[in-house]
Amino acid sequence: ALVDNIWTRFNGYKLDNGDKCKTFACRFSKPKKSSERKENVLFEKFRITSKHPTIDCKARIKITWLIVINIVRIERVRV
C-alpha cells in the first residue's frame, strides 16, 4: 500500500483525453540550508522555530490515471 503521509505533491497535469498525471516528492527532502537569525531583533519578536538538518532525499513517484482503460499506474521517477 502507498503510504500517503510521506509524499507531498510536486507537480501535475491533465491531458485532453481526461488522463491525469501527478508527481510526488519525498516529504523529508530539504534541499536548502536553514537561514540564520537576524541580528538586532528584540528577543520578544523571535519566532519559536527549530532547525532540521538538510536531507538529500531524491525519491519521487509519478501516479498516472489512465481514464480510458481504467488503470492507475505508479512508477518511480529518476532525478
Protein backbone atom coordinates (compact mmCIF):
# COMPACT_ATOMS: atom_id res chain seq x y z
CA ALA A 1 0.00 0.00 0.00
CA LEU A 2 1.10 3.53 -0.72
CA VAL A 3 1.89 5.48 2.44
CA ASP A 4 0.38 8.87 1.69
CA ASN A 5 1.84 10.89 4.57
CA ILE A 6 5.43 10.64 3.29
CA TRP A 7 4.69 12.16 -0.13
CA THR A 8 3.97 15.77 -1.00
CA ARG A 9 2.68 16.89 -4.38
CA PHE A 10 5.43 18.17 -6.66
CA ASN A 11 3.50 18.88 -9.88
CA GLY A 12 0.70 17.54 -12.03
CA TYR A 13 -1.23 17.97 -15.23
CA LYS A 14 -4.34 16.78 -17.03
CA LEU A 15 -4.36 15.61 -20.65
CA ASP A 16 -7.07 16.41 -23.23
CA ASN A 17 -8.44 12.86 -23.13
CA GLY A 18 -9.08 13.10 -19.36
CA ASP A 19 -5.96 11.24 -18.16
CA LYS A 20 -4.28 12.76 -15.09
CA CYS A 21 -0.66 12.65 -14.04
CA LYS A 22 0.74 13.78 -10.67
CA THR A 23 4.30 13.68 -9.39
CA PHE A 24 5.01 13.42 -5.66
CA ALA A 25 8.31 14.12 -3.88
CA CYS A 26 9.56 12.75 -0.57
CA ARG A 27 8.42 14.98 2.30
CA PHE A 28 11.79 14.52 4.04
CA SER A 29 13.74 16.20 1.26
CA LYS A 30 15.08 19.57 2.29
CA PRO A 31 17.43 20.92 -0.37
CA LYS A 32 18.17 24.31 1.23
CA LYS A 33 20.04 25.05 4.44
CA SER A 34 18.02 26.81 7.17
CA SER A 35 18.51 30.54 7.47
CA GLU A 36 20.29 32.10 10.43
CA ARG A 37 18.77 34.52 12.95
CA LYS A 38 18.91 38.19 12.07
CA GLU A 39 20.89 40.47 14.33
CA ASN A 40 19.43 43.47 16.21
CA VAL A 41 15.99 41.87 16.64
CA LEU A 42 14.38 42.02 20.08
CA PHE A 43 14.05 38.73 21.94
CA GLU A 44 10.27 39.23 22.25
CA LYS A 45 9.98 39.32 18.45
CA PHE A 46 11.69 35.96 17.90
CA ARG A 47 9.59 33.17 16.49
CA ILE A 48 9.96 29.80 18.12
CA THR A 49 11.49 27.69 15.39
CA SER A 50 13.55 24.58 15.14
CA LYS A 51 16.17 23.78 12.56
CA HIS A 52 16.13 20.49 10.75
CA PRO A 53 19.21 19.09 9.05
CA THR A 54 19.42 19.22 5.28
CA ILE A 55 18.42 15.85 3.83
CA ASP A 56 19.11 14.93 0.25
CA CYS A 57 16.15 12.61 -0.35
CA LYS A 58 15.59 12.32 -4.09
CA ALA A 59 12.72 9.86 -4.00
CA ARG A 60 9.85 10.75 -6.34
CA ILE A 61 6.91 8.83 -7.70
CA LYS A 62 4.60 9.50 -10.61
CA ILE A 63 0.95 8.43 -10.49
CA THR A 64 -0.90 8.28 -13.80
CA TRP A 65 -4.65 7.76 -14.03
CA LEU A 66 -5.50 6.31 -17.47
CA ILE A 67 -9.21 7.07 -17.66
CA VAL A 68 -10.00 5.37 -20.99
CA ILE A 69 -8.71 1.93 -19.97
CA ASN A 70 -9.41 2.41 -16.23
CA ILE A 71 -5.85 1.82 -14.96
CA VAL A 72 -3.75 3.58 -12.32
CA ARG A 73 -0.01 3.33 -12.90
CA ILE A 74 2.56 4.15 -10.17
CA GLU A 75 6.17 4.47 -11.23
CA ARG A 76 9.42 5.71 -9.78
CA VAL A 77 10.83 8.96 -11.18
CA ARG A 78 14.59 9.14 -11.53
CA VAL A 79 16.03 12.57 -10.80
